[in-house]
Amino acid sequence: MRRVFLAVLVPRLLLMSSAVIAASGDHLMNGVPTPPDSKSLGTQPISSGGQLARYSTSTNPGRVIASYTQVLSDAGWTVTGSGGSGSSYGGGAGLQATNGPKYLSVNAGGPAGMTFVSVCVWPSKPSHANCGD
């Protein structure tokens, strides 16, 4: 009887704990906008309890970052740094922001006509905040 109980209980506990782990990272992206006219390329957990979301868009990297600057500021984030502008030949741009202890980093770049965007959010600023690397 005890073995049957454990055989049923242990897999359910493992399933529940994996759902809690997945949900704990996913909530970091709540309220974080997607890039303009973008297609999701997926999400994944990253170091220090963070979450990474990747997108592709035809919007120039500088415009992606300008959009994030405006939308994040409107949503209560404080932009702490940004740089790069992109160009008609590609290039890259980035942004960092905080919202309470949460830390966000956005990197946008790629060849002309195609921008790849990495958005990373951590519960607090990690010692190595390399997003998309």
N, C-alpha and C. Protein backbone atom coordinates (compact mmCIF):
# COMPACT_ATOMS: atom_id res chain seq x y z
N MET A 1 0.82 -1.18 0.00
CA MET A 1 0.00 0.00 0.00
C MET A 1 0.87 1.26 0.00
N ARG A 2 1.90 1.25 0.83
CA ARG A 2 2.78 2.41 0.93
C ARG A 2 3.51 2.65 -0.39
N ARG A 3 3.95 1.60 -1.08
CA ARG A 3 4.63 1.74 -2.36
C ARG A 3 3.71 2.32 -3.42
N VAL A 4 2.47 1.88 -3.43
CA VAL A 4 1.51 2.40 -4.41
C VAL A 4 1.27 3.88 -4.15
N PHE A 5 1.13 4.25 -2.89
CA PHE A 5 0.93 5.65 -2.53
C PHE A 5 2.11 6.50 -3.00
N LEU A 6 3.32 6.05 -2.73
CA LEU A 6 4.51 6.78 -3.15
C LEU A 6 4.64 6.81 -4.67
N ALA A 7 4.29 5.72 -5.32
CA ALA A 7 4.38 5.67 -6.79
C ALA A 7 3.44 6.68 -7.43
N VAL A 8 2.34 6.97 -6.79
CA VAL A 8 1.39 7.96 -7.31
C VAL A 8 1.78 9.37 -6.86
N LEU A 9 2.19 9.51 -5.63
CA LEU A 9 2.47 10.83 -5.06
C LEU A 9 3.74 11.47 -5.61
N VAL A 10 4.82 10.74 -5.70
CA VAL A 10 6.11 11.31 -6.12
C VAL A 10 6.03 11.92 -7.52
N PRO A 11 5.50 11.22 -8.53
CA PRO A 11 5.42 11.86 -9.86
C PRO A 11 4.56 13.12 -9.84
N ARG A 12 3.49 13.12 -9.06
CA ARG A 12 2.64 14.33 -8.99
C ARG A 12 3.38 15.48 -8.33
N LEU A 13 4.13 15.20 -7.29
CA LEU A 13 4.92 16.26 -6.64
C LEU A 13 5.97 16.82 -7.60
N LEU A 14 6.61 15.94 -8.34
CA LEU A 14 7.61 16.40 -9.31
C LEU A 14 6.97 17.26 -10.38
N LEU A 15 5.80 16.87 -10.87
CA LEU A 15 5.09 17.65 -11.87
C LEU A 15 4.69 19.01 -11.30
N MET A 16 4.20 19.03 -10.06
CA MET A 16 3.82 20.29 -9.43
C MET A 16 5.03 21.19 -9.23
N SER A 17 6.16 20.65 -8.80
CA SER A 17 7.33 21.48 -8.56
C SER A 17 7.88 22.04 -9.86
N SER A 18 7.82 21.29 -10.96
CA SER A 18 8.29 21.82 -12.23
C SER A 18 7.36 22.92 -12.73
N ALA A 19 6.05 22.80 -12.44
CA ALA A 19 5.11 23.86 -12.82
C ALA A 19 5.38 25.12 -12.02
N VAL A 20 5.68 24.96 -10.73
CA VAL A 20 6.00 26.12 -9.89
C VAL A 20 7.28 26.79 -10.37
N ILE A 21 8.29 26.01 -10.71
CA ILE A 21 9.55 26.58 -11.22
C ILE A 21 9.29 27.33 -12.52
N ALA A 22 8.53 26.75 -13.43
CA ALA A 22 8.25 27.42 -14.70
C ALA A 22 7.46 28.70 -14.47
N ALA A 23 6.47 28.64 -13.59
CA ALA A 23 5.65 29.83 -13.34
C ALA A 23 6.45 30.92 -12.66
N SER A 24 7.41 30.55 -11.80
CA SER A 24 8.16 31.57 -11.09
C SER A 24 9.01 32.40 -12.04
N GLY A 25 9.54 31.80 -13.11
CA GLY A 25 10.30 32.57 -14.09
C GLY A 25 9.41 33.33 -15.04
N ASP A 26 8.28 32.72 -15.41
CA ASP A 26 7.37 33.36 -16.36
C ASP A 26 6.80 34.67 -15.83
N HIS A 27 6.55 34.75 -14.53
CA HIS A 27 5.95 35.96 -13.99
C HIS A 27 6.87 37.16 -14.15
N LEU A 28 8.15 36.95 -14.31
CA LEU A 28 9.08 38.06 -14.50
C LEU A 28 8.75 38.84 -15.77
N MET A 29 8.20 38.18 -16.77
CA MET A 29 7.88 38.83 -18.04
C MET A 29 6.52 39.54 -18.02
N ASN A 30 5.75 39.35 -16.96
CA ASN A 30 4.45 40.03 -16.88
C ASN A 30 4.66 41.54 -16.94
N GLY A 31 3.95 42.20 -17.83
CA GLY A 31 4.05 43.64 -17.98
C GLY A 31 5.22 44.12 -18.82
N VAL A 32 6.05 43.19 -19.31
CA VAL A 32 7.15 43.57 -20.19
C VAL A 32 6.66 43.46 -21.63
N PRO A 33 6.74 44.55 -22.39
CA PRO A 33 6.18 44.53 -23.74
C PRO A 33 7.01 43.68 -24.70
N THR A 34 6.38 43.31 -25.79
CA THR A 34 7.10 42.65 -26.88
C THR A 34 7.55 43.73 -27.86
N PRO A 35 8.57 43.46 -28.66
CA PRO A 35 9.01 44.45 -29.64
C PRO A 35 7.91 44.73 -30.67
N PRO A 36 7.95 45.90 -31.29
CA PRO A 36 6.95 46.22 -32.31
C PRO A 36 6.99 45.24 -33.48
N ASP A 37 5.82 44.82 -33.93
CA ASP A 37 5.68 43.95 -35.10
C ASP A 37 6.60 42.74 -35.03
N SER A 38 6.63 42.08 -33.89
CA SER A 38 7.59 40.99 -33.69
C SER A 38 6.94 39.62 -33.71
N LYS A 39 7.80 38.64 -33.88
CA LYS A 39 7.42 37.22 -33.81
C LYS A 39 8.23 36.61 -32.68
N SER A 40 7.56 35.89 -31.79
CA SER A 40 8.25 35.24 -30.68
C SER A 40 9.09 34.07 -31.19
N LEU A 41 10.32 34.00 -30.68
CA LEU A 41 11.20 32.88 -31.01
C LEU A 41 11.38 31.96 -29.81
N GLY A 42 10.67 32.25 -28.71
CA GLY A 42 10.70 31.38 -27.55
C GLY A 42 11.25 32.05 -26.30
N THR A 43 11.06 31.35 -25.18
CA THR A 43 11.56 31.82 -23.89
C THR A 43 12.32 30.69 -23.22
N GLN A 44 13.15 31.07 -22.26
CA GLN A 44 13.89 30.07 -21.51
C GLN A 44 14.38 30.68 -20.20
N PRO A 45 14.55 29.84 -19.18
CA PRO A 45 15.14 30.34 -17.94
C PRO A 45 16.62 30.61 -18.16
N ILE A 46 17.15 31.58 -17.43
CA ILE A 46 18.59 31.89 -17.50
C ILE A 46 19.15 31.97 -16.09
N SER A 47 20.44 32.22 -15.98
CA SER A 47 21.11 32.25 -14.69
C SER A 47 20.48 33.26 -13.73
N SER A 48 20.74 33.08 -12.48
CA SER A 48 20.31 33.96 -11.39
C SER A 48 18.79 34.11 -11.32
N GLY A 49 18.05 33.09 -11.74
CA GLY A 49 16.59 33.09 -11.65
C GLY A 49 15.89 33.95 -12.68
N GLY A 50 16.60 34.31 -13.75
CA GLY A 50 16.03 35.17 -14.78
C GLY A 50 15.27 34.43 -15.85
N GLN A 51 14.69 35.21 -16.74
CA GLN A 51 13.93 34.67 -17.87
C GLN A 51 14.37 35.42 -19.13
N LEU A 52 14.57 34.70 -20.21
CA LEU A 52 14.96 35.26 -21.50
C LEU A 52 13.85 35.00 -22.51
N ALA A 53 13.47 36.06 -23.23
CA ALA A 53 12.53 35.93 -24.34
C ALA A 53 13.22 36.46 -25.59
N ARG A 54 13.08 35.74 -26.70
CA ARG A 54 13.70 36.15 -27.97
C ARG A 54 12.61 36.43 -29.00
N TYR A 55 12.88 37.45 -29.84
CA TYR A 55 11.94 37.86 -30.87
C TYR A 55 12.70 38.20 -32.15
N SER A 56 11.97 38.22 -33.26
CA SER A 56 12.50 38.78 -34.50
C SER A 56 11.49 39.81 -35.00
N THR A 57 12.00 40.84 -35.64
CA THR A 57 11.16 41.90 -36.17
C THR A 57 11.88 42.59 -37.33
N SER A 58 11.13 43.25 -38.17
CA SER A 58 11.74 44.03 -39.25
C SER A 58 12.02 45.46 -38.79
N THR A 59 11.60 45.80 -37.57
CA THR A 59 11.83 47.14 -37.03
C THR A 59 13.31 47.33 -36.73
N ASN A 60 13.85 48.46 -37.11
CA ASN A 60 15.26 48.80 -36.90
C ASN A 60 15.60 48.75 -35.39
N PRO A 61 16.82 48.30 -35.01
CA PRO A 61 17.20 48.17 -33.59
C PRO A 61 17.00 49.46 -32.79
N GLY A 62 17.36 50.59 -33.37
CA GLY A 62 17.18 51.86 -32.65
C GLY A 62 15.73 52.15 -32.34
N ARG A 63 14.84 51.83 -33.26
CA ARG A 63 13.41 52.04 -33.04
C ARG A 63 12.85 51.05 -32.02
N VAL A 64 13.38 49.84 -32.01
CA VAL A 64 12.97 48.85 -31.00
C VAL A 64 13.28 49.41 -29.62
N ILE A 65 14.50 49.90 -29.44
CA ILE A 65 14.91 50.42 -28.13
C ILE A 65 14.14 51.69 -27.78
N ALA A 66 13.89 52.57 -28.75
CA ALA A 66 13.09 53.77 -28.49
C ALA A 66 11.69 53.39 -28.02
N SER A 67 11.11 52.37 -28.64
CA SER A 67 9.79 51.89 -28.24
C SER A 67 9.82 51.37 -26.81
N TYR A 68 10.83 50.55 -26.49
CA TYR A 68 10.96 50.03 -25.13
C TYR A 68 11.15 51.16 -24.13
N THR A 69 11.94 52.16 -24.46
CA THR A 69 12.18 53.28 -23.55
C THR A 69 10.86 53.93 -23.18
N GLN A 70 10.02 54.19 -24.15
CA GLN A 70 8.73 54.84 -23.91
C GLN A 70 7.78 53.94 -23.13
N VAL A 71 7.59 52.72 -23.60
CA VAL A 71 6.60 51.82 -23.00
C VAL A 71 7.02 51.43 -21.58
N LEU A 72 8.29 51.14 -21.37
CA LEU A 72 8.73 50.76 -20.02
C LEU A 72 8.57 51.92 -19.05
N SER A 73 8.93 53.13 -19.48
CA SER A 73 8.77 54.31 -18.62
C SER A 73 7.31 54.49 -18.23
N ASP A 74 6.41 54.32 -19.19
CA ASP A 74 4.97 54.44 -18.93
C ASP A 74 4.48 53.36 -17.96
N ALA A 75 5.15 52.20 -17.93
CA ALA A 75 4.74 51.08 -17.09
C ALA A 75 5.43 51.09 -15.72
N GLY A 76 6.16 52.16 -15.39
CA GLY A 76 6.77 52.27 -14.07
C GLY A 76 8.20 51.82 -13.97
N TRP A 77 8.82 51.44 -15.07
CA TRP A 77 10.23 51.06 -15.07
C TRP A 77 11.09 52.33 -15.14
N THR A 78 12.29 52.26 -14.59
CA THR A 78 13.26 53.35 -14.69
C THR A 78 14.37 52.88 -15.63
N VAL A 79 14.51 53.55 -16.75
CA VAL A 79 15.57 53.20 -17.70
C VAL A 79 16.88 53.73 -17.13
N THR A 80 17.83 52.81 -16.92
CA THR A 80 19.11 53.18 -16.30
C THR A 80 20.23 53.32 -17.31
N GLY A 81 20.01 52.89 -18.52
CA GLY A 81 21.03 53.02 -19.56
C GLY A 81 20.51 52.53 -20.88
N SER A 82 21.00 53.15 -21.95
CA SER A 82 20.67 52.69 -23.29
C SER A 82 21.75 53.20 -24.22
N GLY A 83 21.87 52.56 -25.36
CA GLY A 83 22.88 52.99 -26.30
C GLY A 83 22.74 52.29 -27.63
N GLY A 84 23.42 52.84 -28.61
CA GLY A 84 23.36 52.31 -29.96
C GLY A 84 22.10 52.79 -30.65
N SER A 85 22.14 52.77 -31.93
CA SER A 85 20.97 53.25 -32.66
C SER A 85 20.58 52.31 -33.78
N GLY A 86 21.45 51.41 -34.13
CA GLY A 86 21.19 50.60 -35.30
C GLY A 86 21.35 51.48 -36.53
N SER A 87 21.15 50.93 -37.67
CA SER A 87 21.26 51.69 -38.92
C SER A 87 20.55 50.92 -40.01
N SER A 88 20.54 51.48 -41.19
CA SER A 88 19.91 50.77 -42.31
C SER A 88 20.74 49.55 -42.70
N TYR A 89 21.96 49.44 -42.15
CA TYR A 89 22.83 48.29 -42.43
C TYR A 89 22.84 47.29 -41.28
N GLY A 90 21.97 47.48 -40.33
CA GLY A 90 21.93 46.57 -39.19
C GLY A 90 22.46 47.26 -37.96
N GLY A 91 23.43 46.68 -37.30
CA GLY A 91 23.97 47.26 -36.08
C GLY A 91 23.17 46.82 -34.89
N GLY A 92 23.38 47.47 -33.76
CA GLY A 92 22.69 47.05 -32.56
C GLY A 92 22.43 48.18 -31.61
N ALA A 93 21.55 47.92 -30.66
CA ALA A 93 21.19 48.88 -29.63
C ALA A 93 20.76 48.09 -28.40
N GLY A 94 20.80 48.74 -27.24
CA GLY A 94 20.43 48.05 -26.02
C GLY A 94 19.85 49.00 -24.99
N LEU A 95 19.32 48.40 -23.93
CA LEU A 95 18.67 49.17 -22.88
C LEU A 95 18.70 48.35 -21.60
N GLN A 96 18.81 49.04 -20.46
CA GLN A 96 18.71 48.41 -19.15
C GLN A 96 17.71 49.23 -18.34
N ALA A 97 16.94 48.54 -17.48
CA ALA A 97 15.93 49.23 -16.67
C ALA A 97 15.70 48.46 -15.38
N THR A 98 15.14 49.17 -14.40
CA THR A 98 14.78 48.55 -13.13
C THR A 98 13.33 48.89 -12.81
N ASN A 99 12.71 48.01 -12.04
CA ASN A 99 11.36 48.23 -11.53
C ASN A 99 11.35 47.60 -10.15
N GLY A 100 11.55 48.42 -9.12
CA GLY A 100 11.79 47.86 -7.79
C GLY A 100 13.09 47.08 -7.87
N PRO A 101 13.11 45.86 -7.35
CA PRO A 101 14.34 45.08 -7.44
C PRO A 101 14.55 44.40 -8.81
N LYS A 102 13.47 44.31 -9.63
CA LYS A 102 13.58 43.63 -10.92
C LYS A 102 14.53 44.38 -11.85
N TYR A 103 15.30 43.63 -12.62
CA TYR A 103 16.27 44.20 -13.54
C TYR A 103 16.00 43.65 -14.93
N LEU A 104 16.00 44.53 -15.93
CA LEU A 104 15.69 44.16 -17.31
C LEU A 104 16.82 44.61 -18.23
N SER A 105 17.12 43.79 -19.21
CA SER A 105 18.09 44.14 -20.24
C SER A 105 17.51 43.74 -21.59
N VAL A 106 17.61 44.65 -22.56
CA VAL A 106 17.12 44.39 -23.91
C VAL A 106 18.28 44.62 -24.87
N ASN A 107 18.52 43.68 -25.76
CA ASN A 107 19.51 43.81 -26.83
C ASN A 107 18.80 43.60 -28.15
N ALA A 108 19.08 44.50 -29.11
CA ALA A 108 18.46 44.39 -30.43
C ALA A 108 19.54 44.60 -31.49
N GLY A 109 19.58 43.74 -32.49
CA GLY A 109 20.56 43.89 -33.56
C GLY A 109 20.38 42.85 -34.63
N GLY A 110 21.10 43.03 -35.70
CA GLY A 110 21.04 42.07 -36.79
C GLY A 110 21.30 42.74 -38.12
N PRO A 111 21.21 41.98 -39.19
CA PRO A 111 21.45 42.53 -40.52
C PRO A 111 20.30 43.44 -40.95
N ALA A 112 20.54 44.22 -41.98
CA ALA A 112 19.51 45.13 -42.50
C ALA A 112 18.21 44.38 -42.78
N GLY A 113 17.10 44.93 -42.30
CA GLY A 113 15.80 44.34 -42.56
C GLY A 113 15.36 43.27 -41.58
N MET A 114 16.26 42.82 -40.69
CA MET A 114 15.90 41.78 -39.72
C MET A 114 16.58 42.10 -38.40
N THR A 115 15.80 42.31 -37.37
CA THR A 115 16.35 42.59 -36.04
C THR A 115 15.98 41.45 -35.11
N PHE A 116 16.97 40.96 -34.39
CA PHE A 116 16.76 39.94 -33.38
C PHE A 116 16.83 40.63 -32.03
N VAL A 117 15.84 40.36 -31.19
CA VAL A 117 15.73 41.04 -29.91
C VAL A 117 15.76 40.00 -28.79
N SER A 118 16.61 40.26 -27.79
CA SER A 118 16.66 39.44 -26.58
C SER A 118 16.22 40.31 -25.43
N VAL A 119 15.23 39.84 -24.69
CA VAL A 119 14.73 40.55 -23.52
C VAL A 119 14.95 39.65 -22.31
N CYS A 120 15.72 40.14 -21.34
CA CYS A 120 16.00 39.37 -20.13
C CYS A 120 15.49 40.13 -18.92
N VAL A 121 14.86 39.40 -18.00
CA VAL A 121 14.40 39.99 -16.75
C VAL A 121 14.86 39.07 -15.62
N TRP A 122 15.39 39.71 -14.56
CA TRP A 122 15.82 38.99 -13.36
C TRP A 122 15.07 39.53 -12.15
N PRO A 123 14.92 38.72 -11.11
CA PRO A 123 14.27 39.21 -9.89
C PRO A 123 15.04 40.37 -9.25
N SER A 124 16.35 40.39 -9.44
CA SER A 124 17.21 41.50 -9.00
C SER A 124 18.43 41.49 -9.90
N LYS A 125 19.18 42.59 -9.90
CA LYS A 125 20.31 42.71 -10.83
C LYS A 125 21.34 41.62 -10.55
N PRO A 126 21.64 40.80 -11.56
CA PRO A 126 22.63 39.73 -11.37
C PRO A 126 24.05 40.30 -11.51
N SER A 127 25.02 39.54 -11.09
CA SER A 127 26.41 39.98 -11.22
C SER A 127 26.85 40.00 -12.67
N HIS A 128 26.27 39.14 -13.50
CA HIS A 128 26.55 39.12 -14.93
C HIS A 128 25.23 39.22 -15.68
N ALA A 129 24.92 40.42 -16.17
CA ALA A 129 23.64 40.67 -16.83
C ALA A 129 23.78 40.62 -18.34
N ASN A 130 24.40 39.57 -18.85
CA ASN A 130 24.53 39.41 -20.30
C ASN A 130 23.27 38.77 -20.84
N CYS A 131 22.51 39.54 -21.59
CA CYS A 131 21.25 39.05 -22.13
C CYS A 131 21.44 38.56 -23.55
N GLY A 132 21.12 37.31 -23.78
CA GLY A 132 21.19 36.76 -25.12
C GLY A 132 22.54 36.18 -25.49
N ASP A 133 23.49 36.20 -24.55
CA ASP A 133 24.82 35.64 -24.83
C ASP A 133 24.90 34.21 -24.35
